[in-house]
C-alpha atoms as a PDB file:
ATOM      1  CA  MET A   1    -273.289 -97.244 242.610  1.00  0.00           C
ATOM      2  CA  GLU A   2    -273.735 -93.603 241.662  1.00  0.00           C
ATOM      3  CA  GLY A   3    -270.252 -92.859 242.958  1.00  0.00           C
ATOM      4  CA  LEU A   4    -268.814 -95.633 240.773  1.00  0.00           C
ATOM      5  CA  ILE A   5    -270.573 -94.251 237.693  1.00  0.00           C
ATOM      6  CA  ASN A   6    -269.247 -90.772 238.417  1.00  0.00           C
ATOM      7  CA  LEU A   7    -265.761 -92.194 238.846  1.00  0.00           C
ATOM      8  CA  LEU A   8    -265.931 -94.072 235.550  1.00  0.00           C
ATOM      9  CA  GLN A   9    -267.144 -90.961 233.746  1.00  0.00           C
ATOM     10  CA  LYS A  10    -263.848 -89.331 234.704  1.00  0.00           C
ATOM     11  CA  GLY A  11    -261.940 -91.991 232.756  1.00  0.00           C
ATOM     12  CA  GLY A  12    -262.535 -90.413 229.362  1.00  0.00           C
ATOM     13  CA  LEU A  13    -263.220 -92.206 226.081  1.00  0.00           C
ATOM     14  CA  ALA A  14    -261.134 -95.249 227.028  1.00  0.00           C
ATOM     15  CA  ILE A  15    -263.802 -96.278 229.545  1.00  0.00           C
ATOM     16  CA  TYR A  16    -266.359 -97.215 226.870  1.00  0.00           C
ATOM     17  CA  PRO A  17    -264.359 -99.961 225.114  1.00  0.00           C
ATOM     18  CA  LEU A  18    -263.196-101.166 228.535  1.00  0.00           C
ATOM     19  CA  LEU A  19    -266.789-101.508 229.725  1.00  0.00           C
ATOM     20  CA  PHE A  20    -267.613-103.463 226.561  1.00  0.00           C
ATOM     21  CA  LEU A  21    -264.636-105.786 227.133  1.00  0.00           C
ATOM     22  CA  SER A  22    -265.653-106.263 230.765  1.00  0.00           C
ATOM     23  CA  ILE A  23    -269.219-107.265 229.823  1.00  0.00           C
ATOM     24  CA  LEU A  24    -267.863-109.576 227.113  1.00  0.00           C
ATOM     25  CA  SER A  25    -265.393-111.306 229.433  1.00  0.00           C
ATOM     26  CA  TRP A  26    -267.960-111.823 232.196  1.00  0.00           C
ATOM     27  CA  ALA A  27    -270.428-113.227 229.649  1.00  0.00           C
ATOM     28  CA  VAL A  28    -267.774-115.747 228.589  1.00  0.00           C
ATOM     29  CA  ILE A  29    -267.006-116.601 232.233  1.00  0.00           C
ATOM     30  CA  VAL A  30    -270.692-117.311 232.963  1.00  0.00           C
ATOM     31  CA  GLU A  31    -271.033-119.354 229.737  1.00  0.00           C
ATOM     32  CA  ARG A  32    -267.969-121.455 230.605  1.00  0.00           C
ATOM     33  CA  LEU A  33    -269.156-122.047 234.181  1.00  0.00           C
ATOM     34  CA  MET A  34    -272.462-123.338 232.811  1.00  0.00           C
ATOM     35  CA  ASN A  35    -271.020-125.499 230.026  1.00  0.00           C
ATOM     36  CA  MET A  36    -267.785-126.822 231.530  1.00  0.00           C
ATOM     37  CA  ARG A  37    -269.388-128.927 234.212  1.00  0.00           C
ATOM     38  CA  PRO A  38    -267.671-132.342 234.280  1.00  0.00           C
ATOM     39  CA  SER A  39    -271.077-134.072 234.181  1.00  0.00           C
ATOM     40  CA  ASN A  40    -271.552-132.727 230.631  1.00  0.00           C
ATOM     41  CA  TYR A  41    -268.576-134.775 229.446  1.00  0.00           C
ATOM     42  CA  ARG A  42    -267.741-137.537 231.951  1.00  0.00           C
ATOM     43  CA  SER A  43    -269.854-140.565 232.725  1.00  0.00           C
ATOM     44  CA  ARG A  44    -271.465-140.343 236.148  1.00  0.00           C
ATOM     45  CA  SER A  45    -271.528-144.140 236.507  1.00  0.00           C
ATOM     46  CA  PHE A  46    -267.869-144.979 235.973  1.00  0.00           C
ATOM     47  CA  LYS A  47    -267.506-147.474 238.831  1.00  0.00           C
ATOM     48  CA  ASP A  48    -270.725-149.347 238.012  1.00  0.00           C
ATOM     49  CA  LEU A  49    -269.831-149.359 234.334  1.00  0.00           C
ATOM     50  CA  LYS A  50    -266.367-150.744 234.975  1.00  0.00           C
ATOM     51  CA  THR A  51    -267.840-153.504 237.156  1.00  0.00           C
ATOM     52  CA  LEU A  52    -270.326-154.485 234.463  1.00  0.00           C
ATOM     53  CA  LEU A  53    -267.673-154.604 231.744  1.00  0.00           C
ATOM     54  CA  ALA A  54    -265.290-156.589 233.968  1.00  0.00           C
ATOM     55  CA  SER A  55    -268.018-159.204 234.456  1.00  0.00           C
ATOM     56  CA  GLY A  56    -268.670-159.327 230.703  1.00  0.00           C
ATOM     57  CA  ASP A  57    -272.127-157.781 230.956  1.00  0.00           C
ATOM     58  CA  ILE A  58    -271.950-155.549 227.864  1.00  0.00           C
ATOM     59  CA  ASP A  59    -275.752-155.384 227.603  1.00  0.00           C
ATOM     60  CA  GLY A  60    -275.933-154.090 231.165  1.00  0.00           C
ATOM     61  CA  ALA A  61    -273.229-151.524 230.412  1.00  0.00           C
ATOM     62  CA  ILE A  62    -275.104-150.308 227.319  1.00  0.00           C
ATOM     63  CA  LYS A  63    -278.322-150.078 229.316  1.00  0.00           C
ATOM     64  CA  LEU A  64    -276.546-148.072 232.041  1.00  0.00           C
ATOM     65  CA  LEU A  65    -274.980-145.728 229.480  1.00  0.00           C
ATOM     66  CA  SER A  66    -278.420-145.140 227.948  1.00  0.00           C
ATOM     67  CA  THR A  67    -279.428-143.337 231.135  1.00  0.00           C
ATOM     68  CA  ASP A  68    -276.338-141.085 230.989  1.00  0.00           C
ATOM     69  CA  SER A  69    -276.534-137.974 228.790  1.00  0.00           C
ATOM     70  CA  SER A  70    -272.852-136.994 229.047  1.00  0.00           C
ATOM     71  CA  HIS A  71    -270.939-136.671 225.777  1.00  0.00           C
ATOM     72  CA  MET A  72    -268.542-139.560 226.312  1.00  0.00           C
ATOM     73  CA  ALA A  73    -271.293-141.847 227.639  1.00  0.00           C
ATOM     74  CA  VAL A  74    -273.177-141.451 224.351  1.00  0.00           C
ATOM     75  CA  VAL A  75    -269.986-142.165 222.368  1.00  0.00           C
ATOM     76  CA  LEU A  76    -269.063-145.197 224.482  1.00  0.00           C
ATOM     77  CA  LYS A  77    -272.572-146.619 224.248  1.00  0.00           C
ATOM     78  CA  ASP A  78    -272.426-146.572 220.428  1.00  0.00           C
ATOM     79  CA  LEU A  79    -268.956-148.135 220.435  1.00  0.00           C
ATOM     80  CA  LEU A  80    -269.986-150.918 222.827  1.00  0.00           C
ATOM     81  CA  GLN A  81    -273.055-151.625 220.709  1.00  0.00           C
ATOM     82  CA  SER A  82    -270.859-151.992 217.622  1.00  0.00           C
ATOM     83  CA  TYR A  83    -268.372-154.117 219.589  1.00  0.00           C
ATOM     84  CA  LYS A  84    -271.152-156.383 220.823  1.00  0.00           C
ATOM     85  CA  GLU A  85    -272.399-156.856 217.256  1.00  0.00           C
ATOM     86  CA  GLY A  86    -268.872-157.720 216.102  1.00  0.00           C
ATOM     87  CA  LYS A  87    -268.543-154.708 213.819  1.00  0.00           C
ATOM     88  CA  ILE A  88    -265.412-153.400 215.557  1.00  0.00           C
ATOM     89  CA  LYS A  89    -262.580-154.780 217.679  1.00  0.00           C
ATOM     90  CA  LYS A  90    -261.110-153.594 220.967  1.00  0.00           C
ATOM     91  CA  GLU A  91    -258.335-151.779 219.088  1.00  0.00           C
ATOM     92  CA  ASP A  92    -260.956-149.885 217.070  1.00  0.00           C
ATOM     93  CA  ILE A  93    -262.626-148.728 220.290  1.00  0.00           C
ATOM     94  CA  ILE A  94    -259.304-147.335 221.549  1.00  0.00           C
ATOM     95  CA  LYS A  95    -258.696-145.470 218.265  1.00  0.00           C
ATOM     96  CA  SER A  96    -262.231-144.070 218.259  1.00  0.00           C
ATOM     97  CA  LEU A  97    -261.938-142.923 221.864  1.00  0.00           C
ATOM     98  CA  ASP A  98    -258.633-141.206 221.100  1.00  0.00           C
ATOM     99  CA  PHE A  99    -260.323-139.355 218.255  1.00  0.00           C
ATOM    100  CA  GLU A 100    -263.356-138.399 220.362  1.00  0.00           C
ATOM    101  CA  ILE A 101    -261.139-137.092 223.165  1.00  0.00           C
ATOM    102  CA  SER A 102    -259.267-134.920 220.656  1.00  0.00           C
ATOM    103  CA  LEU A 103    -262.636-133.501 219.529  1.00  0.00           C
ATOM    104  CA  LEU A 104    -263.380-132.463 223.108  1.00  0.00           C
ATOM    105  CA  VAL A 105    -260.409-130.064 223.231  1.00  0.00           C
ATOM    106  CA  PRO A 106    -262.015-127.267 221.154  1.00  0.00           C
ATOM    107  CA  LYS A 107    -265.278-127.707 223.075  1.00  0.00           C
ATOM    108  CA  LEU A 108    -263.552-127.302 226.426  1.00  0.00           C
ATOM    109  CA  GLU A 109    -261.489-124.357 225.160  1.00  0.00           C
ATOM    110  CA  LYS A 110    -264.418-122.617 223.470  1.00  0.00           C
ATOM    111  CA  ASN A 111    -264.303-118.809 223.908  1.00  0.00           C
ATOM    112  CA  LEU A 112    -261.113-118.934 225.992  1.00  0.00           C
ATOM    113  CA  ALA A 113    -259.381-116.980 223.213  1.00  0.00           C
ATOM    114  CA  ILE A 114    -261.779-114.120 223.986  1.00  0.00           C
ATOM    115  CA  LEU A 115    -260.628-114.046 227.629  1.00  0.00           C
ATOM    116  CA  SER A 116    -256.999-114.113 226.529  1.00  0.00           C
ATOM    117  CA  THR A 117    -257.608-111.231 224.113  1.00  0.00           C
ATOM    118  CA  VAL A 118    -259.416-109.148 226.736  1.00  0.00           C
ATOM    119  CA  ALA A 119    -256.585-109.753 229.217  1.00  0.00           C
ATOM    120  CA  SER A 120    -254.076-108.521 226.619  1.00  0.00           C
ATOM    121  CA  VAL A 121    -256.002-105.593 225.133  1.00  0.00           C
ATOM    122  CA  ALA A 122    -257.620-104.053 228.238  1.00  0.00           C
ATOM    123  CA  PRO A 123    -254.340-102.820 229.809  1.00  0.00           C
ATOM    124  CA  LEU A 124    -253.347-101.268 226.467  1.00  0.00           C
ATOM    125  CA  ILE A 125    -256.647 -99.386 226.256  1.00  0.00           C
ATOM    126  CA  GLY A 126    -256.125 -98.318 229.860  1.00  0.00           C
ATOM    127  CA  LEU A 127    -252.648 -97.108 228.907  1.00  0.00           C
ATOM    128  CA  PHE A 128    -254.141 -95.154 226.005  1.00  0.00           C
ATOM    129  CA  GLY A 129    -256.534 -93.482 228.455  1.00  0.00           C
ATOM    130  CA  THR A 130    -253.607 -92.725 230.744  1.00  0.00           C
ATOM    131  CA  ILE A 131    -251.712 -91.040 227.902  1.00  0.00           C
ATOM    132  CA  THR A 132    -254.703 -88.923 226.857  1.00  0.00           C
ATOM    133  CA  GLY A 133    -255.140 -87.913 230.500  1.00  0.00           C
ATOM    134  CA  LEU A 134    -251.484 -86.904 230.746  1.00  0.00           C
ATOM    135  CA  ILE A 135    -251.836 -84.861 227.561  1.00  0.00           C
ATOM    136  CA  LYS A 136    -254.590 -82.907 229.296  1.00  0.00           C
ATOM    137  CA  VAL A 137    -252.329 -82.463 232.328  1.00  0.00           C
ATOM    138  CA  PHE A 138    -249.554 -80.953 230.233  1.00  0.00           C
ATOM    139  CA  SER A 139    -252.090 -78.833 228.359  1.00  0.00           C
ATOM    140  CA  ALA A 140    -253.163 -77.380 231.697  1.00  0.00           C
ATOM    141  CA  PHE A 141    -249.616 -76.174 232.334  1.00  0.00           C
ATOM    142  CA  SER A 142    -249.788 -74.073 229.172  1.00  0.00           C
ATOM    143  CA  VAL A 143    -252.778 -72.143 230.502  1.00  0.00           C
ATOM    144  CA  ALA A 144    -251.648 -68.978 232.198  1.00  0.00           C
ATOM    145  CA  ASP A 145    -254.765 -68.465 234.300  1.00  0.00           C
ATOM    146  CA  PRO A 146    -254.521 -70.660 237.470  1.00  0.00           C
ATOM    147  CA  GLU A 147    -258.309 -70.727 237.848  1.00  0.00           C
ATOM    148  CA  THR A 148    -258.617 -72.309 234.410  1.00  0.00           C
ATOM    149  CA  ALA A 149    -255.539 -74.527 234.746  1.00  0.00           C
ATOM    150  CA  MET A 150    -256.461 -76.253 238.016  1.00  0.00           C
ATOM    151  CA  PRO A 151    -259.718 -77.855 236.798  1.00  0.00           C
ATOM    152  CA  LEU A 152    -257.950 -79.046 233.616  1.00  0.00           C
ATOM    153  CA  LEU A 153    -255.087 -80.421 235.680  1.00  0.00           C
ATOM    154  CA  SER A 154    -257.471 -82.251 238.014  1.00  0.00           C
ATOM    155  CA  LYS A 155    -259.492 -83.654 235.115  1.00  0.00           C
ATOM    156  CA  GLY A 156    -256.384 -84.890 233.307  1.00  0.00           C
ATOM    157  CA  ILE A 157    -254.966 -86.637 236.365  1.00  0.00           C
ATOM    158  CA  SER A 158    -258.349 -88.267 237.115  1.00  0.00           C
ATOM    159  CA  GLU A 159    -258.686 -89.491 233.544  1.00  0.00           C
ATOM    160  CA  ALA A 160    -255.170 -90.942 233.566  1.00  0.00           C
ATOM    161  CA  LEU A 161    -255.612 -92.812 236.864  1.00  0.00           C
ATOM    162  CA  VAL A 162    -259.174 -94.027 236.293  1.00  0.00           C
ATOM    163  CA  ALA A 163    -258.350 -95.333 232.799  1.00  0.00           C
ATOM    164  CA  ALA A 164    -255.287 -97.213 234.055  1.00  0.00           C
ATOM    165  CA  ALA A 165    -257.150 -98.704 237.019  1.00  0.00           C
ATOM    166  CA  THR A 166    -260.145 -99.721 234.883  1.00  0.00           C
ATOM    167  CA  GLY A 167    -257.899-101.380 232.317  1.00  0.00           C
ATOM    168  CA  LEU A 168    -256.337-103.512 235.035  1.00  0.00           C
ATOM    169  CA  ALA A 169    -259.711-104.203 236.672  1.00  0.00           C
ATOM    170  CA  VAL A 170    -260.972-105.607 233.358  1.00  0.00           C
ATOM    171  CA  ALA A 171    -257.797-107.531 232.453  1.00  0.00           C
ATOM    172  CA  ILE A 172    -257.059-109.260 235.773  1.00  0.00           C
ATOM    173  CA  PRO A 173    -260.345-111.246 236.120  1.00  0.00           C
ATOM    174  CA  ALA A 174    -260.163-112.213 232.431  1.00  0.00           C
ATOM    175  CA  LEU A 175    -256.593-113.469 232.799  1.00  0.00           C
ATOM    176  CA  VAL A 176    -257.321-115.385 236.008  1.00  0.00           C
ATOM    177  CA  ALA A 177    -260.462-116.932 234.480  1.00  0.00           C
ATOM    178  CA  TYR A 178    -258.556-117.919 231.335  1.00  0.00           C
ATOM    179  CA  TRP A 179    -255.965-119.919 233.261  1.00  0.00           C
ATOM    180  CA  LEU A 180    -258.511-121.435 235.663  1.00  0.00           C
ATOM    181  CA  PHE A 181    -260.670-122.657 232.779  1.00  0.00           C
ATOM    182  CA  LYS A 182    -257.573-123.889 230.959  1.00  0.00           C
ATOM    183  CA  ILE A 183    -256.507-125.948 233.998  1.00  0.00           C
ATOM    184  CA  TRP A 184    -260.088-127.112 234.597  1.00  0.00           C
ATOM    185  CA  GLY A 185    -260.446-128.247 230.975  1.00  0.00           C
ATOM    186  CA  ASN A 186    -257.141-130.138 231.059  1.00  0.00           C
ATOM    187  CA  ASN A 187    -258.219-131.843 234.283  1.00  0.00           C
ATOM    188  CA  ILE A 188    -261.542-132.921 232.723  1.00  0.00           C
ATOM    189  CA  LEU A 189    -259.721-134.319 229.678  1.00  0.00           C
ATOM    190  CA  SER A 190    -257.211-136.270 231.749  1.00  0.00           C
ATOM    191  CA  LYS A 191    -259.985-137.734 233.929  1.00  0.00           C
ATOM    192  CA  ILE A 192    -262.029-138.725 230.876  1.00  0.00           C
ATOM    193  CA  GLU A 193    -259.014-140.361 229.253  1.00  0.00           C
ATOM    194  CA  GLU A 194    -258.115-142.239 232.411  1.00  0.00           C
ATOM    195  CA  GLU A 195    -261.666-143.487 233.017  1.00  0.00           C
ATOM    196  CA  LEU A 196    -262.368-144.511 229.427  1.00  0.00           C
ATOM    197  CA  PHE A 197    -259.186-146.492 228.962  1.00  0.00           C
ATOM    198  CA  ASP A 198    -259.666-148.139 232.356  1.00  0.00           C
ATOM    199  CA  MET A 199    -263.052-149.350 231.108  1.00  0.00           C
ATOM    200  CA  VAL A 200    -261.661-150.564 227.771  1.00  0.00           C
ATOM    201  CA  ARG A 201    -258.866-152.515 229.523  1.00  0.00           C
ATOM    202  CA  VAL A 202    -261.411-154.659 231.398  1.00  0.00           C
ATOM    203  CA  LEU A 203    -263.331-155.583 228.222  1.00  0.00           C
END
């Protein structure tokens, strides 16, 4: 750990914004892992629910949905209650579900823009650190005294390499996480859409 800290200290000023971006991206990753669980959005009782609706037991379906805290279960319960009371038709349920599914998109993609930004900006900050390190390298060549030049040369090369490596180390996990969460969110949406419209078809 101490060796890592010493290594990072050689990266110059570019290391500080990179460390901030790293903490920010990992905070987003943890938040998404906690809040993108399919059980937060999809009904856990899809098969039982479909069976109840196919048999015409809307009361049983509403009762089952009452025990499910997922987002779409709450929405579907309210729609079935209105359908049972004759306030809406089957076509209205389909339209409402379409609308509710569209509202899920920003929830599933929440904070993903931060990961995308970190993945784009971190390598540029690393490149900036590389350039400042190379400036120090060339400055060392202008020093006539070899004893003074060698430490400056070593410091400049270290700063250039550490900054570049840190920039990539911050950007790569953010980029990978961005696309994994994007794919995961799309998969959740497609599953929700498939399950909900399967249930509505058997009404």
